[in-house]
Amino acid sequence: MIRMRLDQNTILPEWFALIWGAPQIREQIRSRVKTTAGIWKISQHDLSSITVDVPSIDVQAKEIRHIRLGLGAIEKCRVQLDTATDRLATLDQSILAKAFRGELVPQDPNDEPASVLLERIRAERAAAGAAPRRGRRGGGKASA
């Protein structure tokens, strides 16, 4: 474990924490890290050779405020996305329910109800005689 002490007259800890995860810094770390038997290590000397751009304290504070605002906006968008996703699931269910009730499009009052249509089809089939059934015969067993 390596502990770093920062001169807070030169660099704000929050600025350092934000910049330490930047791709440029991570690349410097990757180029200095060594591995033995799959265990990644970096020495204190190699860590101390990493360069970090350090603007004035005023610039650091200003950038931290901008970053906080940006992160707040991102969080707000995430909450809105979660809410929209939940609403979308509810909307899907609502649309399906309306479809089954026949409420998605305006209905023609001159159309006969489905129950009347089905009864008429049954009557026509009965009048025509029993139609031959399709499918397997003989219980599904093949004879040799």
N, C-alpha and C. Protein backbone atom coordinates (compact mmCIF):
# COMPACT_ATOMS: atom_id res chain seq x y z
N MET A 1 0.86 -1.16 0.00
CA MET A 1 0.00 0.00 0.00
C MET A 1 0.90 1.23 0.00
N ILE A 2 0.62 2.14 -0.86
CA ILE A 2 1.41 3.37 -0.95
C ILE A 2 0.51 4.54 -0.64
N ARG A 3 1.00 5.39 0.25
CA ARG A 3 0.24 6.57 0.63
C ARG A 3 0.91 7.80 0.04
N MET A 4 0.09 8.66 -0.53
CA MET A 4 0.63 9.88 -1.13
C MET A 4 0.15 11.07 -0.32
N ARG A 5 1.07 11.96 -0.04
CA ARG A 5 0.71 13.20 0.65
C ARG A 5 0.78 14.33 -0.36
N LEU A 6 -0.30 15.10 -0.40
CA LEU A 6 -0.37 16.18 -1.38
C LEU A 6 -0.15 17.52 -0.70
N ASP A 7 0.55 18.39 -1.37
CA ASP A 7 0.68 19.77 -0.89
C ASP A 7 -0.60 20.49 -1.29
N GLN A 8 -1.51 20.67 -0.33
CA GLN A 8 -2.82 21.24 -0.63
C GLN A 8 -2.76 22.73 -0.96
N ASN A 9 -1.58 23.34 -0.87
CA ASN A 9 -1.42 24.71 -1.35
C ASN A 9 -1.18 24.70 -2.87
N THR A 10 -0.85 23.52 -3.40
CA THR A 10 -0.55 23.38 -4.82
C THR A 10 -1.62 22.59 -5.57
N ILE A 11 -2.15 21.55 -4.93
CA ILE A 11 -3.12 20.67 -5.60
C ILE A 11 -4.23 20.28 -4.63
N LEU A 12 -5.45 20.42 -5.09
CA LEU A 12 -6.61 20.04 -4.29
C LEU A 12 -6.78 18.51 -4.34
N PRO A 13 -7.04 17.88 -3.20
CA PRO A 13 -7.19 16.42 -3.19
C PRO A 13 -8.28 15.93 -4.16
N GLU A 14 -9.39 16.68 -4.26
CA GLU A 14 -10.46 16.27 -5.18
C GLU A 14 -9.98 16.35 -6.63
N TRP A 15 -9.18 17.37 -6.95
CA TRP A 15 -8.63 17.49 -8.30
C TRP A 15 -7.72 16.30 -8.59
N PHE A 16 -6.86 15.99 -7.64
CA PHE A 16 -5.94 14.87 -7.83
C PHE A 16 -6.71 13.56 -8.01
N ALA A 17 -7.75 13.35 -7.20
CA ALA A 17 -8.55 12.12 -7.31
C ALA A 17 -9.20 12.03 -8.70
N LEU A 18 -9.67 13.15 -9.22
CA LEU A 18 -10.29 13.14 -10.55
C LEU A 18 -9.26 12.91 -11.66
N ILE A 19 -8.13 13.60 -11.58
CA ILE A 19 -7.13 13.51 -12.64
C ILE A 19 -6.38 12.18 -12.60
N TRP A 20 -6.27 11.57 -11.43
CA TRP A 20 -5.55 10.31 -11.28
C TRP A 20 -6.18 9.20 -12.12
N GLY A 21 -7.49 9.29 -12.35
CA GLY A 21 -8.17 8.28 -13.17
C GLY A 21 -8.19 8.61 -14.65
N ALA A 22 -7.57 9.71 -15.05
CA ALA A 22 -7.59 10.12 -16.46
C ALA A 22 -6.80 9.12 -17.32
N PRO A 23 -7.21 8.96 -18.58
CA PRO A 23 -6.51 8.00 -19.46
C PRO A 23 -5.01 8.27 -19.58
N GLN A 24 -4.60 9.55 -19.61
CA GLN A 24 -3.18 9.86 -19.74
C GLN A 24 -2.38 9.35 -18.53
N ILE A 25 -2.96 9.48 -17.36
CA ILE A 25 -2.28 9.01 -16.14
C ILE A 25 -2.28 7.50 -16.11
N ARG A 26 -3.42 6.87 -16.45
CA ARG A 26 -3.51 5.41 -16.45
C ARG A 26 -2.49 4.81 -17.42
N GLU A 27 -2.28 5.47 -18.55
CA GLU A 27 -1.30 4.97 -19.52
C GLU A 27 0.11 5.03 -18.95
N GLN A 28 0.41 6.11 -18.21
CA GLN A 28 1.73 6.20 -17.57
C GLN A 28 1.90 5.06 -16.55
N ILE A 29 0.85 4.77 -15.82
CA ILE A 29 0.92 3.68 -14.83
C ILE A 29 1.13 2.36 -15.55
N ARG A 30 0.33 2.10 -16.61
CA ARG A 30 0.46 0.85 -17.36
C ARG A 30 1.87 0.65 -17.92
N SER A 31 2.47 1.73 -18.35
CA SER A 31 3.81 1.60 -18.95
C SER A 31 4.88 1.29 -17.89
N ARG A 32 4.61 1.56 -16.62
CA ARG A 32 5.59 1.34 -15.56
C ARG A 32 5.33 0.07 -14.74
N VAL A 33 4.16 -0.50 -14.87
CA VAL A 33 3.80 -1.64 -14.04
C VAL A 33 4.56 -2.89 -14.51
N LYS A 34 4.87 -3.75 -13.56
CA LYS A 34 5.57 -5.00 -13.85
C LYS A 34 4.73 -6.15 -13.32
N THR A 35 4.89 -7.30 -13.94
CA THR A 35 4.12 -8.46 -13.49
C THR A 35 5.05 -9.65 -13.28
N THR A 36 4.74 -10.39 -12.25
CA THR A 36 5.44 -11.64 -11.97
C THR A 36 4.36 -12.65 -11.62
N ALA A 37 4.29 -13.72 -12.37
CA ALA A 37 3.32 -14.79 -12.13
C ALA A 37 1.89 -14.23 -12.08
N GLY A 38 1.60 -13.26 -12.94
CA GLY A 38 0.24 -12.73 -13.03
C GLY A 38 -0.12 -11.71 -11.97
N ILE A 39 0.83 -11.34 -11.12
CA ILE A 39 0.59 -10.34 -10.08
C ILE A 39 1.19 -9.02 -10.54
N TRP A 40 0.34 -8.01 -10.67
CA TRP A 40 0.78 -6.70 -11.16
C TRP A 40 1.33 -5.87 -10.02
N LYS A 41 2.50 -5.26 -10.25
CA LYS A 41 3.15 -4.46 -9.20
C LYS A 41 3.70 -3.18 -9.81
N ILE A 42 3.77 -2.15 -8.97
CA ILE A 42 4.43 -0.90 -9.35
C ILE A 42 5.14 -0.38 -8.11
N SER A 43 6.34 0.08 -8.30
CA SER A 43 7.13 0.55 -7.16
C SER A 43 6.79 2.00 -6.83
N GLN A 44 7.15 2.40 -5.64
CA GLN A 44 6.93 3.79 -5.22
C GLN A 44 7.75 4.73 -6.10
N HIS A 45 8.95 4.30 -6.47
CA HIS A 45 9.80 5.10 -7.34
C HIS A 45 9.11 5.32 -8.69
N ASP A 46 8.52 4.24 -9.28
CA ASP A 46 7.83 4.37 -10.57
C ASP A 46 6.60 5.27 -10.44
N LEU A 47 5.90 5.17 -9.33
CA LEU A 47 4.73 6.05 -9.12
C LEU A 47 5.16 7.50 -9.01
N SER A 48 6.27 7.74 -8.35
CA SER A 48 6.71 9.13 -8.18
C SER A 48 7.19 9.76 -9.48
N SER A 49 7.46 8.94 -10.50
CA SER A 49 7.90 9.48 -11.79
C SER A 49 6.74 9.85 -12.72
N ILE A 50 5.51 9.59 -12.29
CA ILE A 50 4.34 9.91 -13.11
C ILE A 50 4.11 11.42 -13.06
N THR A 51 3.88 12.00 -14.24
CA THR A 51 3.67 13.44 -14.29
C THR A 51 2.18 13.75 -14.36
N VAL A 52 1.79 14.75 -13.59
CA VAL A 52 0.40 15.19 -13.53
C VAL A 52 0.40 16.69 -13.76
N ASP A 53 -0.41 17.14 -14.73
CA ASP A 53 -0.54 18.58 -14.96
C ASP A 53 -1.30 19.18 -13.78
N VAL A 54 -0.74 20.23 -13.22
CA VAL A 54 -1.35 20.86 -12.06
C VAL A 54 -1.56 22.35 -12.35
N PRO A 55 -2.80 22.71 -12.71
CA PRO A 55 -3.08 24.14 -12.91
C PRO A 55 -3.18 24.84 -11.56
N SER A 56 -3.42 26.14 -11.58
CA SER A 56 -3.52 26.89 -10.33
C SER A 56 -4.72 26.37 -9.51
N ILE A 57 -4.68 26.67 -8.21
CA ILE A 57 -5.77 26.26 -7.30
C ILE A 57 -7.10 26.81 -7.79
N ASP A 58 -7.11 28.06 -8.27
CA ASP A 58 -8.35 28.65 -8.77
C ASP A 58 -8.91 27.87 -9.96
N VAL A 59 -8.05 27.51 -10.87
CA VAL A 59 -8.48 26.73 -12.05
C VAL A 59 -8.96 25.35 -11.62
N GLN A 60 -8.25 24.74 -10.69
CA GLN A 60 -8.67 23.43 -10.18
C GLN A 60 -10.08 23.52 -9.57
N ALA A 61 -10.30 24.53 -8.73
CA ALA A 61 -11.60 24.69 -8.09
C ALA A 61 -12.70 24.92 -9.12
N LYS A 62 -12.41 25.75 -10.12
CA LYS A 62 -13.38 26.04 -11.18
C LYS A 62 -13.71 24.76 -11.96
N GLU A 63 -12.69 23.99 -12.31
CA GLU A 63 -12.91 22.75 -13.07
C GLU A 63 -13.67 21.72 -12.22
N ILE A 64 -13.38 21.66 -10.94
CA ILE A 64 -14.11 20.74 -10.05
C ILE A 64 -15.60 21.10 -10.04
N ARG A 65 -15.91 22.42 -9.99
CA ARG A 65 -17.33 22.84 -10.04
C ARG A 65 -17.98 22.40 -11.35
N HIS A 66 -17.27 22.58 -12.46
CA HIS A 66 -17.80 22.17 -13.77
C HIS A 66 -18.03 20.65 -13.81
N ILE A 67 -17.09 19.92 -13.28
CA ILE A 67 -17.20 18.46 -13.27
C ILE A 67 -18.39 18.04 -12.41
N ARG A 68 -18.53 18.65 -11.25
CA ARG A 68 -19.69 18.33 -10.38
C ARG A 68 -21.00 18.61 -11.10
N LEU A 69 -21.08 19.77 -11.80
CA LEU A 69 -22.29 20.09 -12.55
C LEU A 69 -22.55 19.05 -13.64
N GLY A 70 -21.49 18.67 -14.34
CA GLY A 70 -21.64 17.66 -15.38
C GLY A 70 -22.08 16.32 -14.82
N LEU A 71 -21.49 15.91 -13.71
CA LEU A 71 -21.88 14.65 -13.08
C LEU A 71 -23.32 14.71 -12.58
N GLY A 72 -23.72 15.89 -12.07
CA GLY A 72 -25.12 16.07 -11.64
C GLY A 72 -26.08 15.94 -12.81
N ALA A 73 -25.71 16.51 -13.95
CA ALA A 73 -26.55 16.41 -15.15
C ALA A 73 -26.63 14.97 -15.63
N ILE A 74 -25.51 14.27 -15.57
CA ILE A 74 -25.50 12.86 -15.97
C ILE A 74 -26.40 12.05 -15.05
N GLU A 75 -26.34 12.31 -13.76
CA GLU A 75 -27.19 11.59 -12.80
C GLU A 75 -28.66 11.88 -13.07
N LYS A 76 -28.97 13.14 -13.37
CA LYS A 76 -30.36 13.51 -13.68
C LYS A 76 -30.83 12.76 -14.92
N CYS A 77 -29.99 12.66 -15.93
CA CYS A 77 -30.34 11.92 -17.15
C CYS A 77 -30.55 10.43 -16.83
N ARG A 78 -29.71 9.88 -15.95
CA ARG A 78 -29.86 8.47 -15.59
C ARG A 78 -31.19 8.23 -14.91
N VAL A 79 -31.58 9.13 -14.01
CA VAL A 79 -32.87 9.00 -13.33
C VAL A 79 -34.01 9.11 -14.33
N GLN A 80 -33.91 10.05 -15.27
CA GLN A 80 -34.94 10.20 -16.29
C GLN A 80 -35.02 8.96 -17.18
N LEU A 81 -33.87 8.38 -17.50
CA LEU A 81 -33.85 7.16 -18.30
C LEU A 81 -34.52 6.01 -17.56
N ASP A 82 -34.21 5.87 -16.27
CA ASP A 82 -34.84 4.81 -15.47
C ASP A 82 -36.36 5.00 -15.42
N THR A 83 -36.80 6.25 -15.24
CA THR A 83 -38.23 6.55 -15.20
C THR A 83 -38.87 6.23 -16.55
N ALA A 84 -38.24 6.63 -17.64
CA ALA A 84 -38.78 6.36 -18.97
C ALA A 84 -38.84 4.86 -19.24
N THR A 85 -37.83 4.13 -18.81
CA THR A 85 -37.81 2.68 -19.00
C THR A 85 -38.98 2.03 -18.26
N ASP A 86 -39.22 2.48 -17.03
CA ASP A 86 -40.36 1.96 -16.25
C ASP A 86 -41.67 2.29 -16.94
N ARG A 87 -41.79 3.51 -17.43
CA ARG A 87 -43.02 3.92 -18.12
C ARG A 87 -43.22 3.12 -19.40
N LEU A 88 -42.13 2.81 -20.10
CA LEU A 88 -42.22 2.05 -21.33
C LEU A 88 -42.78 0.66 -21.07
N ALA A 89 -42.35 0.02 -20.00
CA ALA A 89 -42.88 -1.30 -19.65
C ALA A 89 -44.38 -1.22 -19.39
N THR A 90 -44.79 -0.19 -18.66
CA THR A 90 -46.22 0.01 -18.38
C THR A 90 -46.97 0.29 -19.67
N LEU A 91 -46.39 1.08 -20.55
CA LEU A 91 -47.03 1.41 -21.82
C LEU A 91 -47.21 0.16 -22.68
N ASP A 92 -46.19 -0.70 -22.73
CA ASP A 92 -46.32 -1.95 -23.48
C ASP A 92 -47.51 -2.77 -22.99
N GLN A 93 -47.63 -2.91 -21.67
CA GLN A 93 -48.74 -3.67 -21.10
C GLN A 93 -50.07 -3.01 -21.43
N SER A 94 -50.11 -1.70 -21.37
CA SER A 94 -51.34 -0.96 -21.65
C SER A 94 -51.76 -1.14 -23.11
N ILE A 95 -50.80 -1.07 -24.02
CA ILE A 95 -51.10 -1.25 -25.44
C ILE A 95 -51.63 -2.65 -25.71
N LEU A 96 -51.00 -3.64 -25.11
CA LEU A 96 -51.48 -5.02 -25.30
C LEU A 96 -52.89 -5.19 -24.76
N ALA A 97 -53.17 -4.62 -23.60
CA ALA A 97 -54.51 -4.72 -23.03
C ALA A 97 -55.53 -4.05 -23.95
N LYS A 98 -55.21 -2.88 -24.47
CA LYS A 98 -56.13 -2.19 -25.38
C LYS A 98 -56.32 -3.00 -26.66
N ALA A 99 -55.26 -3.62 -27.15
CA ALA A 99 -55.38 -4.43 -28.36
C ALA A 99 -56.34 -5.59 -28.14
N PHE A 100 -56.24 -6.26 -27.01
CA PHE A 100 -57.14 -7.37 -26.73
C PHE A 100 -58.58 -6.92 -26.52
N ARG A 101 -58.77 -5.70 -26.08
CA ARG A 101 -60.13 -5.16 -25.91
C ARG A 101 -60.65 -4.52 -27.19
N GLY A 102 -59.79 -4.43 -28.23
CA GLY A 102 -60.20 -3.84 -29.49
C GLY A 102 -60.30 -2.33 -29.43
N GLU A 103 -59.48 -1.70 -28.61
CA GLU A 103 -59.56 -0.26 -28.42
C GLU A 103 -58.44 0.52 -29.12
N LEU A 104 -57.62 -0.14 -29.94
CA LEU A 104 -56.51 0.56 -30.56
C LEU A 104 -56.94 1.42 -31.74
N VAL A 105 -57.96 0.98 -32.47
CA VAL A 105 -58.45 1.75 -33.61
C VAL A 105 -59.95 1.96 -33.42
N PRO A 106 -60.50 2.99 -34.03
CA PRO A 106 -61.94 3.21 -33.91
C PRO A 106 -62.70 2.02 -34.50
N GLN A 107 -63.75 1.61 -33.83
CA GLN A 107 -64.54 0.47 -34.28
C GLN A 107 -65.69 0.96 -35.15
N ASP A 108 -66.00 0.18 -36.18
CA ASP A 108 -67.13 0.48 -37.06
C ASP A 108 -68.39 -0.07 -36.39
N PRO A 109 -69.35 0.81 -36.06
CA PRO A 109 -70.56 0.33 -35.38
C PRO A 109 -71.38 -0.62 -36.26
N ASN A 110 -71.12 -0.63 -37.58
CA ASN A 110 -71.85 -1.53 -38.46
C ASN A 110 -71.27 -2.94 -38.47
N ASP A 111 -70.06 -3.12 -37.91
CA ASP A 111 -69.46 -4.45 -37.84
C ASP A 111 -70.23 -5.29 -36.83
N GLU A 112 -70.39 -6.58 -37.17
CA GLU A 112 -71.07 -7.46 -36.22
C GLU A 112 -70.10 -7.86 -35.11
N PRO A 113 -70.61 -8.13 -33.93
CA PRO A 113 -69.74 -8.57 -32.84
C PRO A 113 -69.08 -9.90 -33.17
N ALA A 114 -67.94 -10.14 -32.56
CA ALA A 114 -67.19 -11.37 -32.82
C ALA A 114 -68.03 -12.59 -32.45
N SER A 115 -68.80 -12.50 -31.38
CA SER A 115 -69.62 -13.65 -30.97
C SER A 115 -70.62 -14.02 -32.05
N VAL A 116 -71.23 -13.01 -32.71
CA VAL A 116 -72.18 -13.26 -33.79
C VAL A 116 -71.46 -13.87 -34.99
N LEU A 117 -70.27 -13.36 -35.32
CA LEU A 117 -69.49 -13.89 -36.43
C LEU A 117 -69.13 -15.35 -36.19
N LEU A 118 -68.67 -15.66 -34.99
CA LEU A 118 -68.31 -17.05 -34.67
C LEU A 118 -69.53 -17.97 -34.76
N GLU A 119 -70.66 -17.53 -34.27
CA GLU A 119 -71.88 -18.34 -34.34
C GLU A 119 -72.29 -18.58 -35.79
N ARG A 120 -72.17 -17.56 -36.63
CA ARG A 120 -72.51 -17.70 -38.04
C ARG A 120 -71.57 -18.71 -38.71
N ILE A 121 -70.28 -18.67 -38.39
CA ILE A 121 -69.31 -19.61 -38.97
C ILE A 121 -69.65 -21.04 -38.54
N ARG A 122 -70.01 -21.22 -37.27
CA ARG A 122 -70.38 -22.55 -36.78
C ARG A 122 -71.61 -23.07 -37.52
N ALA A 123 -72.57 -22.19 -37.70
CA ALA A 123 -73.80 -22.60 -38.39
C ALA A 123 -73.50 -22.98 -39.84
N GLU A 124 -72.64 -22.22 -40.51
CA GLU A 124 -72.30 -22.53 -41.90
C GLU A 124 -71.58 -23.87 -41.99
N ARG A 125 -70.72 -24.16 -41.06
CA ARG A 125 -70.00 -25.44 -41.06
C ARG A 125 -70.96 -26.60 -40.80
N ALA A 126 -71.88 -26.37 -39.87
CA ALA A 126 -72.84 -27.43 -39.58
C ALA A 126 -73.72 -27.70 -40.80
N ALA A 127 -74.10 -26.66 -41.50
CA ALA A 127 -74.96 -26.82 -42.69
C ALA A 127 -74.20 -27.52 -43.82
N ALA A 128 -72.90 -27.31 -43.91
CA ALA A 128 -72.10 -27.90 -44.97
C ALA A 128 -71.74 -29.34 -44.66
N GLY A 129 -71.96 -29.80 -43.46
CA GLY A 129 -71.59 -31.15 -43.06
C GLY A 129 -70.24 -31.14 -42.37
N ALA A 130 -69.92 -32.25 -41.77
CA ALA A 130 -68.67 -32.35 -41.03
C ALA A 130 -67.51 -32.34 -42.01
N ALA A 131 -66.61 -31.42 -41.88
CA ALA A 131 -65.43 -31.35 -42.75
C ALA A 131 -64.42 -32.38 -42.29
N PRO A 132 -63.72 -32.99 -43.23
CA PRO A 132 -62.70 -33.96 -42.82
C PRO A 132 -61.60 -33.27 -42.03
N ARG A 133 -61.16 -33.96 -40.99
CA ARG A 133 -60.11 -33.40 -40.13
C ARG A 133 -58.75 -33.74 -40.71
N ARG A 134 -57.85 -32.81 -40.58
CA ARG A 134 -56.48 -33.05 -41.02
C ARG A 134 -55.69 -33.58 -39.83
N GLY A 135 -54.56 -34.19 -40.13
CA GLY A 135 -53.68 -34.63 -39.05
C GLY A 135 -53.48 -36.12 -39.08
N ARG A 136 -52.88 -36.67 -38.05
CA ARG A 136 -52.59 -38.10 -37.95
C ARG A 136 -53.84 -38.87 -37.63
N ARG A 137 -53.81 -40.08 -38.05
CA ARG A 137 -54.91 -41.01 -37.73
C ARG A 137 -54.31 -42.21 -37.05
N GLY A 138 -55.11 -42.89 -36.32
CA GLY A 138 -54.68 -44.14 -35.71
C GLY A 138 -53.88 -43.96 -34.44
N GLY A 139 -54.06 -42.85 -33.76
CA GLY A 139 -53.42 -42.70 -32.45
C GLY A 139 -51.95 -42.39 -32.52
N GLY A 140 -51.43 -42.13 -33.71
CA GLY A 140 -50.04 -41.70 -33.80
C GLY A 140 -49.05 -42.83 -33.94
N LYS A 141 -49.50 -44.11 -33.96
CA LYS A 141 -48.56 -45.23 -34.10
C LYS A 141 -48.48 -45.63 -35.56
N ALA A 142 -47.31 -45.89 -36.05
CA ALA A 142 -47.13 -46.33 -37.42
C ALA A 142 -47.22 -47.84 -37.47
N SER A 143 -47.81 -48.34 -38.53
CA SER A 143 -47.89 -49.79 -38.67
C SER A 143 -46.89 -50.24 -39.71
N ALA A 144 -46.35 -51.45 -39.52
CA ALA A 144 -45.33 -51.94 -40.44
C ALA A 144 -45.86 -52.79 -41.52
